[in-house]
mmCIF file of all heavy atoms, coordinates in Angstrom:
data_MODEL
# 
_entry.id   MODEL 
# 
loop_
_atom_site.group_PDB 
_atom_site.id 
_atom_site.type_symbol 
_atom_site.label_atom_id 
_atom_site.label_alt_id 
_atom_site.label_comp_id 
_atom_site.label_asym_id 
_atom_site.label_entity_id 
_atom_site.label_seq_id 
_atom_site.pdbx_PDB_ins_code 
_atom_site.Cartn_x 
_atom_site.Cartn_y 
_atom_site.Cartn_z 
_atom_site.occupancy 
_atom_site.B_iso_or_equiv 
_atom_site.pdbx_formal_charge 
_atom_site.auth_seq_id 
_atom_site.auth_comp_id 
_atom_site.auth_asym_id 
_atom_site.auth_atom_id 
_atom_site.pdbx_PDB_model_num 
ATOM 1   N N   . GLU A 1 1  ? 102.162 96.714  74.923 1.00 0.00 ? 1  GLU A N   1 
ATOM 2   C CA  . GLU A 1 1  ? 103.369 95.934  74.590 1.00 0.00 ? 1  GLU A CA  1 
ATOM 3   C C   . GLU A 1 1  ? 104.457 96.103  75.641 1.00 0.00 ? 1  GLU A C   1 
ATOM 4   O O   . GLU A 1 1  ? 105.382 95.341  75.752 1.00 0.00 ? 1  GLU A O   1 
ATOM 5   C CB  . GLU A 1 1  ? 103.852 96.273  73.210 1.00 0.00 ? 1  GLU A CB  1 
ATOM 6   C CG  . GLU A 1 1  ? 104.306 97.690  73.025 1.00 0.00 ? 1  GLU A CG  1 
ATOM 7   C CD  . GLU A 1 1  ? 103.172 98.609  72.629 1.00 0.00 ? 1  GLU A CD  1 
ATOM 8   O OE1 . GLU A 1 1  ? 102.059 98.212  72.678 1.00 0.00 ? 1  GLU A OE1 1 
ATOM 9   O OE2 . GLU A 1 1  ? 103.414 99.815  72.408 1.00 0.00 ? 1  GLU A OE2 1 
ATOM 10  N N   . GLU A 1 2  ? 104.339 97.157  76.502 1.00 0.00 ? 2  GLU A N   1 
ATOM 11  C CA  . GLU A 1 2  ? 105.301 97.384  77.553 1.00 0.00 ? 2  GLU A CA  1 
ATOM 12  C C   . GLU A 1 2  ? 104.884 96.908  78.892 1.00 0.00 ? 2  GLU A C   1 
ATOM 13  O O   . GLU A 1 2  ? 105.521 97.078  79.908 1.00 0.00 ? 2  GLU A O   1 
ATOM 14  C CB  . GLU A 1 2  ? 105.634 98.881  77.666 1.00 0.00 ? 2  GLU A CB  1 
ATOM 15  C CG  . GLU A 1 2  ? 106.177 99.549  76.379 1.00 0.00 ? 2  GLU A CG  1 
ATOM 16  C CD  . GLU A 1 2  ? 106.572 100.976 76.590 1.00 0.00 ? 2  GLU A CD  1 
ATOM 17  O OE1 . GLU A 1 2  ? 106.361 101.551 77.723 1.00 0.00 ? 2  GLU A OE1 1 
ATOM 18  O OE2 . GLU A 1 2  ? 107.092 101.562 75.522 1.00 0.00 ? 2  GLU A OE2 1 
ATOM 19  N N   . PHE A 1 3  ? 103.713 96.139  78.946 1.00 0.00 ? 3  PHE A N   1 
ATOM 20  C CA  . PHE A 1 3  ? 103.327 95.564  80.148 1.00 0.00 ? 3  PHE A CA  1 
ATOM 21  C C   . PHE A 1 3  ? 104.211 94.302  80.522 1.00 0.00 ? 3  PHE A C   1 
ATOM 22  O O   . PHE A 1 3  ? 104.159 93.278  79.769 1.00 0.00 ? 3  PHE A O   1 
ATOM 23  C CB  . PHE A 1 3  ? 101.867 95.100  80.056 1.00 0.00 ? 3  PHE A CB  1 
ATOM 24  C CG  . PHE A 1 3  ? 100.856 96.264  80.252 1.00 0.00 ? 3  PHE A CG  1 
ATOM 25  C CD1 . PHE A 1 3  ? 101.101 97.563  79.845 1.00 0.00 ? 3  PHE A CD1 1 
ATOM 26  C CD2 . PHE A 1 3  ? 99.644  96.018  80.868 1.00 0.00 ? 3  PHE A CD2 1 
ATOM 27  C CE1 . PHE A 1 3  ? 100.236 98.534  79.954 1.00 0.00 ? 3  PHE A CE1 1 
ATOM 28  C CE2 . PHE A 1 3  ? 98.720  97.110  80.953 1.00 0.00 ? 3  PHE A CE2 1 
ATOM 29  C CZ  . PHE A 1 3  ? 99.037  98.293  80.533 1.00 0.00 ? 3  PHE A CZ  1 
ATOM 30  N N   . THR A 1 4  ? 105.087 94.512  81.464 1.00 0.00 ? 4  THR A N   1 
ATOM 31  C CA  . THR A 1 4  ? 106.034 93.419  81.857 1.00 0.00 ? 4  THR A CA  1 
ATOM 32  C C   . THR A 1 4  ? 105.824 92.934  83.315 1.00 0.00 ? 4  THR A C   1 
ATOM 33  O O   . THR A 1 4  ? 106.288 91.822  83.617 1.00 0.00 ? 4  THR A O   1 
ATOM 34  C CB  . THR A 1 4  ? 107.453 93.839  81.650 1.00 0.00 ? 4  THR A CB  1 
ATOM 35  O OG1 . THR A 1 4  ? 107.664 95.094  82.435 1.00 0.00 ? 4  THR A OG1 1 
ATOM 36  C CG2 . THR A 1 4  ? 107.656 94.198  80.118 1.00 0.00 ? 4  THR A CG2 1 
ATOM 37  N N   . THR A 1 5  ? 105.174 93.753  84.166 1.00 0.00 ? 5  THR A N   1 
ATOM 38  C CA  . THR A 1 5  ? 105.004 93.306  85.528 1.00 0.00 ? 5  THR A CA  1 
ATOM 39  C C   . THR A 1 5  ? 103.524 93.471  85.901 1.00 0.00 ? 5  THR A C   1 
ATOM 40  O O   . THR A 1 5  ? 102.743 94.133  85.219 1.00 0.00 ? 5  THR A O   1 
ATOM 41  C CB  . THR A 1 5  ? 105.873 94.149  86.522 1.00 0.00 ? 5  THR A CB  1 
ATOM 42  O OG1 . THR A 1 5  ? 105.233 95.537  86.542 1.00 0.00 ? 5  THR A OG1 1 
ATOM 43  C CG2 . THR A 1 5  ? 107.322 94.229  86.071 1.00 0.00 ? 5  THR A CG2 1 
ATOM 44  N N   . VAL A 1 6  ? 103.153 92.848  87.049 1.00 0.00 ? 6  VAL A N   1 
ATOM 45  C CA  . VAL A 1 6  ? 101.835 92.910  87.501 1.00 0.00 ? 6  VAL A CA  1 
ATOM 46  C C   . VAL A 1 6  ? 101.400 94.319  87.732 1.00 0.00 ? 6  VAL A C   1 
ATOM 47  O O   . VAL A 1 6  ? 100.176 94.581  87.706 1.00 0.00 ? 6  VAL A O   1 
ATOM 48  C CB  . VAL A 1 6  ? 101.615 92.027  88.716 1.00 0.00 ? 6  VAL A CB  1 
ATOM 49  C CG1 . VAL A 1 6  ? 102.395 92.653  89.891 1.00 0.00 ? 6  VAL A CG1 1 
ATOM 50  C CG2 . VAL A 1 6  ? 100.181 91.794  89.068 1.00 0.00 ? 6  VAL A CG2 1 
ATOM 51  N N   . TRP A 1 7  ? 102.345 95.211  88.124 1.00 0.00 ? 7  TRP A N   1 
ATOM 52  C CA  . TRP A 1 7  ? 102.018 96.577  88.377 1.00 0.00 ? 7  TRP A CA  1 
ATOM 53  C C   . TRP A 1 7  ? 101.499 97.295  87.195 1.00 0.00 ? 7  TRP A C   1 
ATOM 54  O O   . TRP A 1 7  ? 100.640 98.246  87.315 1.00 0.00 ? 7  TRP A O   1 
ATOM 55  C CB  . TRP A 1 7  ? 103.232 97.269  89.047 1.00 0.00 ? 7  TRP A CB  1 
ATOM 56  C CG  . TRP A 1 7  ? 103.688 96.654  90.241 1.00 0.00 ? 7  TRP A CG  1 
ATOM 57  C CD1 . TRP A 1 7  ? 104.909 95.952  90.486 1.00 0.00 ? 7  TRP A CD1 1 
ATOM 58  C CD2 . TRP A 1 7  ? 103.034 96.592  91.431 1.00 0.00 ? 7  TRP A CD2 1 
ATOM 59  N NE1 . TRP A 1 7  ? 104.838 95.488  91.705 1.00 0.00 ? 7  TRP A NE1 1 
ATOM 60  C CE2 . TRP A 1 7  ? 103.818 95.792  92.443 1.00 0.00 ? 7  TRP A CE2 1 
ATOM 61  C CE3 . TRP A 1 7  ? 101.718 97.095  92.033 1.00 0.00 ? 7  TRP A CE3 1 
ATOM 62  C CZ2 . TRP A 1 7  ? 103.404 95.523  93.710 1.00 0.00 ? 7  TRP A CZ2 1 
ATOM 63  C CZ3 . TRP A 1 7  ? 101.365 96.878  93.273 1.00 0.00 ? 7  TRP A CZ3 1 
ATOM 64  C CH2 . TRP A 1 7  ? 102.130 96.131  94.192 1.00 0.00 ? 7  TRP A CH2 1 
ATOM 65  N N   . HIS A 1 8  ? 101.906 96.916  86.055 1.00 0.00 ? 8  HIS A N   1 
ATOM 66  C CA  . HIS A 1 8  ? 101.409 97.544  84.846 1.00 0.00 ? 8  HIS A CA  1 
ATOM 67  C C   . HIS A 1 8  ? 99.916  97.277  84.716 1.00 0.00 ? 8  HIS A C   1 
ATOM 68  O O   . HIS A 1 8  ? 99.098  98.156  84.206 1.00 0.00 ? 8  HIS A O   1 
ATOM 69  C CB  . HIS A 1 8  ? 102.192 97.057  83.509 1.00 0.00 ? 8  HIS A CB  1 
ATOM 70  C CG  . HIS A 1 8  ? 103.574 97.578  83.440 1.00 0.00 ? 8  HIS A CG  1 
ATOM 71  N ND1 . HIS A 1 8  ? 104.673 96.783  83.744 1.00 0.00 ? 8  HIS A ND1 1 
ATOM 72  C CD2 . HIS A 1 8  ? 103.982 98.718  83.100 1.00 0.00 ? 8  HIS A CD2 1 
ATOM 73  C CE1 . HIS A 1 8  ? 105.756 97.490  83.552 1.00 0.00 ? 8  HIS A CE1 1 
ATOM 74  N NE2 . HIS A 1 8  ? 105.405 98.743  83.176 1.00 0.00 ? 8  HIS A NE2 1 
ATOM 75  N N   . TYR A 1 9  ? 99.502  96.049  85.078 1.00 0.00 ? 9  TYR A N   1 
ATOM 76  C CA  . TYR A 1 9  ? 98.075  95.691  84.993 1.00 0.00 ? 9  TYR A CA  1 
ATOM 77  C C   . TYR A 1 9  ? 97.274  96.347  86.027 1.00 0.00 ? 9  TYR A C   1 
ATOM 78  O O   . TYR A 1 9  ? 96.048  96.580  85.748 1.00 0.00 ? 9  TYR A O   1 
ATOM 79  C CB  . TYR A 1 9  ? 97.978  94.227  84.962 1.00 0.00 ? 9  TYR A CB  1 
ATOM 80  C CG  . TYR A 1 9  ? 98.573  93.568  83.819 1.00 0.00 ? 9  TYR A CG  1 
ATOM 81  C CD1 . TYR A 1 9  ? 99.938  92.988  83.898 1.00 0.00 ? 9  TYR A CD1 1 
ATOM 82  C CD2 . TYR A 1 9  ? 97.919  93.422  82.548 1.00 0.00 ? 9  TYR A CD2 1 
ATOM 83  C CE1 . TYR A 1 9  ? 100.500 92.241  82.816 1.00 0.00 ? 9  TYR A CE1 1 
ATOM 84  C CE2 . TYR A 1 9  ? 98.509  92.808  81.518 1.00 0.00 ? 9  TYR A CE2 1 
ATOM 85  C CZ  . TYR A 1 9  ? 99.820  92.278  81.651 1.00 0.00 ? 9  TYR A CZ  1 
ATOM 86  O OH  . TYR A 1 9  ? 100.448 91.593  80.590 1.00 0.00 ? 9  TYR A OH  1 
ATOM 87  N N   . PHE A 1 10 ? 97.845  96.521  87.212 1.00 0.00 ? 10 PHE A N   1 
ATOM 88  C CA  . PHE A 1 10 ? 97.086  97.243  88.239 1.00 0.00 ? 10 PHE A CA  1 
ATOM 89  C C   . PHE A 1 10 ? 96.616  98.677  87.896 1.00 0.00 ? 10 PHE A C   1 
ATOM 90  O O   . PHE A 1 10 ? 95.711  99.210  88.554 1.00 0.00 ? 10 PHE A O   1 
ATOM 91  C CB  . PHE A 1 10 ? 97.901  97.222  89.586 1.00 0.00 ? 10 PHE A CB  1 
ATOM 92  C CG  . PHE A 1 10 ? 97.632  95.912  90.360 1.00 0.00 ? 10 PHE A CG  1 
ATOM 93  C CD1 . PHE A 1 10 ? 98.759  95.196  90.764 1.00 0.00 ? 10 PHE A CD1 1 
ATOM 94  C CD2 . PHE A 1 10 ? 96.390  95.529  90.620 1.00 0.00 ? 10 PHE A CD2 1 
ATOM 95  C CE1 . PHE A 1 10 ? 98.589  93.984  91.446 1.00 0.00 ? 10 PHE A CE1 1 
ATOM 96  C CE2 . PHE A 1 10 ? 96.182  94.248  91.322 1.00 0.00 ? 10 PHE A CE2 1 
ATOM 97  C CZ  . PHE A 1 10 ? 97.232  93.574  91.791 1.00 0.00 ? 10 PHE A CZ  1 
ATOM 98  N N   . GLN A 1 11 ? 97.366  99.271  86.892 1.00 0.00 ? 11 GLN A N   1 
ATOM 99  C CA  . GLN A 1 11 ? 96.970  100.661 86.679 1.00 0.00 ? 11 GLN A CA  1 
ATOM 100 C C   . GLN A 1 11 ? 95.638  100.721 85.890 1.00 0.00 ? 11 GLN A C   1 
ATOM 101 O O   . GLN A 1 11 ? 94.937  101.789 85.852 1.00 0.00 ? 11 GLN A O   1 
ATOM 102 C CB  . GLN A 1 11 ? 98.081  101.293 85.731 1.00 0.00 ? 11 GLN A CB  1 
ATOM 103 C CG  . GLN A 1 11 ? 98.214  100.759 84.362 1.00 0.00 ? 11 GLN A CG  1 
ATOM 104 C CD  . GLN A 1 11 ? 99.215  101.343 83.417 1.00 0.00 ? 11 GLN A CD  1 
ATOM 105 O OE1 . GLN A 1 11 ? 99.152  102.593 83.271 1.00 0.00 ? 11 GLN A OE1 1 
ATOM 106 N NE2 . GLN A 1 11 ? 100.180 100.602 83.048 1.00 0.00 ? 11 GLN A NE2 1 
ATOM 107 N N   . LEU A 1 12 ? 95.169  99.536  85.266 1.00 0.00 ? 12 LEU A N   1 
ATOM 108 C CA  . LEU A 1 12 ? 93.991  99.646  84.557 1.00 0.00 ? 12 LEU A CA  1 
ATOM 109 C C   . LEU A 1 12 ? 92.756  99.773  85.395 1.00 0.00 ? 12 LEU A C   1 
ATOM 110 O O   . LEU A 1 12 ? 91.923  100.564 85.039 1.00 0.00 ? 12 LEU A O   1 
ATOM 111 C CB  . LEU A 1 12 ? 93.906  98.321  83.697 1.00 0.00 ? 12 LEU A CB  1 
ATOM 112 C CG  . LEU A 1 12 ? 95.018  98.155  82.645 1.00 0.00 ? 12 LEU A CG  1 
ATOM 113 C CD1 . LEU A 1 12 ? 94.700  96.803  81.915 1.00 0.00 ? 12 LEU A CD1 1 
ATOM 114 C CD2 . LEU A 1 12 ? 95.078  99.297  81.619 1.00 0.00 ? 12 LEU A CD2 1 
ATOM 115 N N   . PRO A 1 13 ? 92.549  99.090  86.521 1.00 0.00 ? 13 PRO A N   1 
ATOM 116 C CA  . PRO A 1 13 ? 91.388  99.349  87.360 1.00 0.00 ? 13 PRO A CA  1 
ATOM 117 C C   . PRO A 1 13 ? 91.476  100.859 87.964 1.00 0.00 ? 13 PRO A C   1 
ATOM 118 O O   . PRO A 1 13 ? 90.403  101.438 88.131 1.00 0.00 ? 13 PRO A O   1 
ATOM 119 C CB  . PRO A 1 13 ? 91.430  98.349  88.419 1.00 0.00 ? 13 PRO A CB  1 
ATOM 120 C CG  . PRO A 1 13 ? 92.917  97.809  88.494 1.00 0.00 ? 13 PRO A CG  1 
ATOM 121 C CD  . PRO A 1 13 ? 93.326  97.867  87.054 1.00 0.00 ? 13 PRO A CD  1 
ATOM 122 N N   . VAL A 1 14 ? 92.732  101.335 88.151 1.00 0.00 ? 14 VAL A N   1 
ATOM 123 C CA  . VAL A 1 14 ? 92.790  102.738 88.664 1.00 0.00 ? 14 VAL A CA  1 
ATOM 124 C C   . VAL A 1 14 ? 92.208  103.665 87.566 1.00 0.00 ? 14 VAL A C   1 
ATOM 125 O O   . VAL A 1 14 ? 91.507  104.630 87.848 1.00 0.00 ? 14 VAL A O   1 
ATOM 126 C CB  . VAL A 1 14 ? 94.259  103.058 88.977 1.00 0.00 ? 14 VAL A CB  1 
ATOM 127 C CG1 . VAL A 1 14 ? 94.466  104.540 89.332 1.00 0.00 ? 14 VAL A CG1 1 
ATOM 128 C CG2 . VAL A 1 14 ? 94.773  102.184 90.129 1.00 0.00 ? 14 VAL A CG2 1 
ATOM 129 N N   . TYR A 1 15 ? 92.643  103.425 86.356 1.00 0.00 ? 15 TYR A N   1 
ATOM 130 C CA  . TYR A 1 15 ? 92.145  104.253 85.247 1.00 0.00 ? 15 TYR A CA  1 
ATOM 131 C C   . TYR A 1 15 ? 90.572  104.176 85.206 1.00 0.00 ? 15 TYR A C   1 
ATOM 132 O O   . TYR A 1 15 ? 89.894  105.258 85.023 1.00 0.00 ? 15 TYR A O   1 
ATOM 133 C CB  . TYR A 1 15 ? 92.708  103.849 83.918 1.00 0.00 ? 15 TYR A CB  1 
ATOM 134 C CG  . TYR A 1 15 ? 94.092  104.371 83.585 1.00 0.00 ? 15 TYR A CG  1 
ATOM 135 C CD1 . TYR A 1 15 ? 95.115  103.387 83.220 1.00 0.00 ? 15 TYR A CD1 1 
ATOM 136 C CD2 . TYR A 1 15 ? 94.320  105.718 83.451 1.00 0.00 ? 15 TYR A CD2 1 
ATOM 137 C CE1 . TYR A 1 15 ? 96.421  103.885 82.873 1.00 0.00 ? 15 TYR A CE1 1 
ATOM 138 C CE2 . TYR A 1 15 ? 95.621  106.135 83.108 1.00 0.00 ? 15 TYR A CE2 1 
ATOM 139 C CZ  . TYR A 1 15 ? 96.643  105.280 82.836 1.00 0.00 ? 15 TYR A CZ  1 
ATOM 140 O OH  . TYR A 1 15 ? 97.795  105.647 82.510 1.00 0.00 ? 15 TYR A OH  1 
ATOM 141 N N   . ALA A 1 16 ? 90.069  102.979 85.384 1.00 0.00 ? 16 ALA A N   1 
ATOM 142 C CA  . ALA A 1 16 ? 88.604  102.751 85.295 1.00 0.00 ? 16 ALA A CA  1 
ATOM 143 C C   . ALA A 1 16 ? 87.843  103.498 86.329 1.00 0.00 ? 16 ALA A C   1 
ATOM 144 O O   . ALA A 1 16 ? 86.927  104.213 86.142 1.00 0.00 ? 16 ALA A O   1 
ATOM 145 C CB  . ALA A 1 16 ? 88.334  101.297 85.314 1.00 0.00 ? 16 ALA A CB  1 
ATOM 146 N N   . ILE A 1 17 ? 88.486  103.445 87.525 1.00 0.00 ? 17 ILE A N   1 
ATOM 147 C CA  . ILE A 1 17 ? 87.867  104.111 88.756 1.00 0.00 ? 17 ILE A CA  1 
ATOM 148 C C   . ILE A 1 17 ? 87.812  105.581 88.570 1.00 0.00 ? 17 ILE A C   1 
ATOM 149 O O   . ILE A 1 17 ? 86.779  106.215 88.774 1.00 0.00 ? 17 ILE A O   1 
ATOM 150 C CB  . ILE A 1 17 ? 88.626  103.718 90.063 1.00 0.00 ? 17 ILE A CB  1 
ATOM 151 C CG1 . ILE A 1 17 ? 88.347  102.240 90.353 1.00 0.00 ? 17 ILE A CG1 1 
ATOM 152 C CG2 . ILE A 1 17 ? 88.107  104.569 91.275 1.00 0.00 ? 17 ILE A CG2 1 
ATOM 153 C CD1 . ILE A 1 17 ? 89.163  101.751 91.513 1.00 0.00 ? 17 ILE A CD1 1 
ATOM 154 N N   . VAL A 1 18 ? 88.915  106.177 88.131 1.00 0.00 ? 18 VAL A N   1 
ATOM 155 C CA  . VAL A 1 18 ? 89.003  107.578 87.935 1.00 0.00 ? 18 VAL A CA  1 
ATOM 156 C C   . VAL A 1 18 ? 88.007  108.028 86.873 1.00 0.00 ? 18 VAL A C   1 
ATOM 157 O O   . VAL A 1 18 ? 87.351  109.032 86.952 1.00 0.00 ? 18 VAL A O   1 
ATOM 158 C CB  . VAL A 1 18 ? 90.499  107.978 87.544 1.00 0.00 ? 18 VAL A CB  1 
ATOM 159 C CG1 . VAL A 1 18 ? 90.457  109.507 87.185 1.00 0.00 ? 18 VAL A CG1 1 
ATOM 160 C CG2 . VAL A 1 18 ? 91.350  107.792 88.716 1.00 0.00 ? 18 VAL A CG2 1 
ATOM 161 N N   . LEU A 1 19 ? 88.032  107.306 85.799 1.00 0.00 ? 19 LEU A N   1 
ATOM 162 C CA  . LEU A 1 19 ? 87.148  107.690 84.615 1.00 0.00 ? 19 LEU A CA  1 
ATOM 163 C C   . LEU A 1 19 ? 85.624  107.630 84.937 1.00 0.00 ? 19 LEU A C   1 
ATOM 164 O O   . LEU A 1 19 ? 84.949  108.562 84.707 1.00 0.00 ? 19 LEU A O   1 
ATOM 165 C CB  . LEU A 1 19 ? 87.463  106.661 83.421 1.00 0.00 ? 19 LEU A CB  1 
ATOM 166 C CG  . LEU A 1 19 ? 86.717  107.001 82.181 1.00 0.00 ? 19 LEU A CG  1 
ATOM 167 C CD1 . LEU A 1 19 ? 87.110  108.433 81.676 1.00 0.00 ? 19 LEU A CD1 1 
ATOM 168 C CD2 . LEU A 1 19 ? 87.145  105.934 81.106 1.00 0.00 ? 19 LEU A CD2 1 
ATOM 169 N N   . VAL A 1 20 ? 85.199  106.652 85.723 1.00 0.00 ? 20 VAL A N   1 
ATOM 170 C CA  . VAL A 1 20 ? 83.814  106.584 86.156 1.00 0.00 ? 20 VAL A CA  1 
ATOM 171 C C   . VAL A 1 20 ? 83.413  107.681 87.061 1.00 0.00 ? 20 VAL A C   1 
ATOM 172 O O   . VAL A 1 20 ? 82.342  108.230 86.991 1.00 0.00 ? 20 VAL A O   1 
ATOM 173 C CB  . VAL A 1 20 ? 83.273  105.202 86.658 1.00 0.00 ? 20 VAL A CB  1 
ATOM 174 C CG1 . VAL A 1 20 ? 83.538  104.148 85.602 1.00 0.00 ? 20 VAL A CG1 1 
ATOM 175 C CG2 . VAL A 1 20 ? 84.142  104.858 87.888 1.00 0.00 ? 20 VAL A CG2 1 
ATOM 176 N N   . LEU A 1 21 ? 84.345  108.062 87.982 1.00 0.00 ? 21 LEU A N   1 
ATOM 177 C CA  . LEU A 1 21 ? 84.073  109.063 88.889 1.00 0.00 ? 21 LEU A CA  1 
ATOM 178 C C   . LEU A 1 21 ? 84.084  110.481 88.178 1.00 0.00 ? 21 LEU A C   1 
ATOM 179 O O   . LEU A 1 21 ? 83.249  111.389 88.552 1.00 0.00 ? 21 LEU A O   1 
ATOM 180 C CB  . LEU A 1 21 ? 85.192  109.062 90.000 1.00 0.00 ? 21 LEU A CB  1 
ATOM 181 C CG  . LEU A 1 21 ? 85.187  107.907 90.972 1.00 0.00 ? 21 LEU A CG  1 
ATOM 182 C CD1 . LEU A 1 21 ? 86.361  108.053 91.961 1.00 0.00 ? 21 LEU A CD1 1 
ATOM 183 C CD2 . LEU A 1 21 ? 83.797  107.749 91.670 1.00 0.00 ? 21 LEU A CD2 1 
ATOM 184 N N   . VAL A 1 22 ? 84.954  110.680 87.318 1.00 0.00 ? 22 VAL A N   1 
ATOM 185 C CA  . VAL A 1 22 ? 84.887  111.854 86.573 1.00 0.00 ? 22 VAL A CA  1 
ATOM 186 C C   . VAL A 1 22 ? 83.649  112.106 85.665 1.00 0.00 ? 22 VAL A C   1 
ATOM 187 O O   . VAL A 1 22 ? 83.010  113.100 85.651 1.00 0.00 ? 22 VAL A O   1 
ATOM 188 C CB  . VAL A 1 22 ? 86.173  112.103 85.650 1.00 0.00 ? 22 VAL A CB  1 
ATOM 189 C CG1 . VAL A 1 22 ? 86.105  113.248 84.800 1.00 0.00 ? 22 VAL A CG1 1 
ATOM 190 C CG2 . VAL A 1 22 ? 87.428  112.216 86.492 1.00 0.00 ? 22 VAL A CG2 1 
ATOM 191 N N   . LEU A 1 23 ? 83.343  110.982 84.803 1.00 0.00 ? 23 LEU A N   1 
ATOM 192 C CA  . LEU A 1 23 ? 82.278  111.033 83.989 1.00 0.00 ? 23 LEU A CA  1 
ATOM 193 C C   . LEU A 1 23 ? 80.852  111.059 84.721 1.00 0.00 ? 23 LEU A C   1 
ATOM 194 O O   . LEU A 1 23 ? 79.861  111.508 84.146 1.00 0.00 ? 23 LEU A O   1 
ATOM 195 C CB  . LEU A 1 23 ? 82.215  109.929 82.975 1.00 0.00 ? 23 LEU A CB  1 
ATOM 196 C CG  . LEU A 1 23 ? 83.494  109.980 82.037 1.00 0.00 ? 23 LEU A CG  1 
ATOM 197 C CD1 . LEU A 1 23 ? 83.514  108.666 81.011 1.00 0.00 ? 23 LEU A CD1 1 
ATOM 198 C CD2 . LEU A 1 23 ? 83.523  111.227 81.197 1.00 0.00 ? 23 LEU A CD2 1 
ATOM 199 N N   . GLY A 1 24 ? 80.812  110.609 85.968 1.00 0.00 ? 24 GLY A N   1 
ATOM 200 C CA  . GLY A 1 24 ? 79.608  110.653 86.747 1.00 0.00 ? 24 GLY A CA  1 
ATOM 201 C C   . GLY A 1 24 ? 79.536  111.853 87.563 1.00 0.00 ? 24 GLY A C   1 
ATOM 202 O O   . GLY A 1 24 ? 78.553  111.926 88.370 1.00 0.00 ? 24 GLY A O   1 
ATOM 203 N N   . SER A 1 25 ? 80.547  112.809 87.515 1.00 0.00 ? 25 SER A N   1 
ATOM 204 C CA  . SER A 1 25 ? 80.433  114.015 88.224 1.00 0.00 ? 25 SER A CA  1 
ATOM 205 C C   . SER A 1 25 ? 79.408  114.974 87.760 1.00 0.00 ? 25 SER A C   1 
ATOM 206 O O   . SER A 1 25 ? 78.912  114.888 86.694 1.00 0.00 ? 25 SER A O   1 
ATOM 207 C CB  . SER A 1 25 ? 81.892  114.584 88.212 1.00 0.00 ? 25 SER A CB  1 
ATOM 208 O OG  . SER A 1 25 ? 82.177  115.040 86.950 1.00 0.00 ? 25 SER A OG  1 
# 
């Protein structure tokens, strides 16, 4: 609900990348 700019949405692929790299470690 606090997503107001495009930068808020850009954090989601970053979360996804970090998560797959950690879980695949």
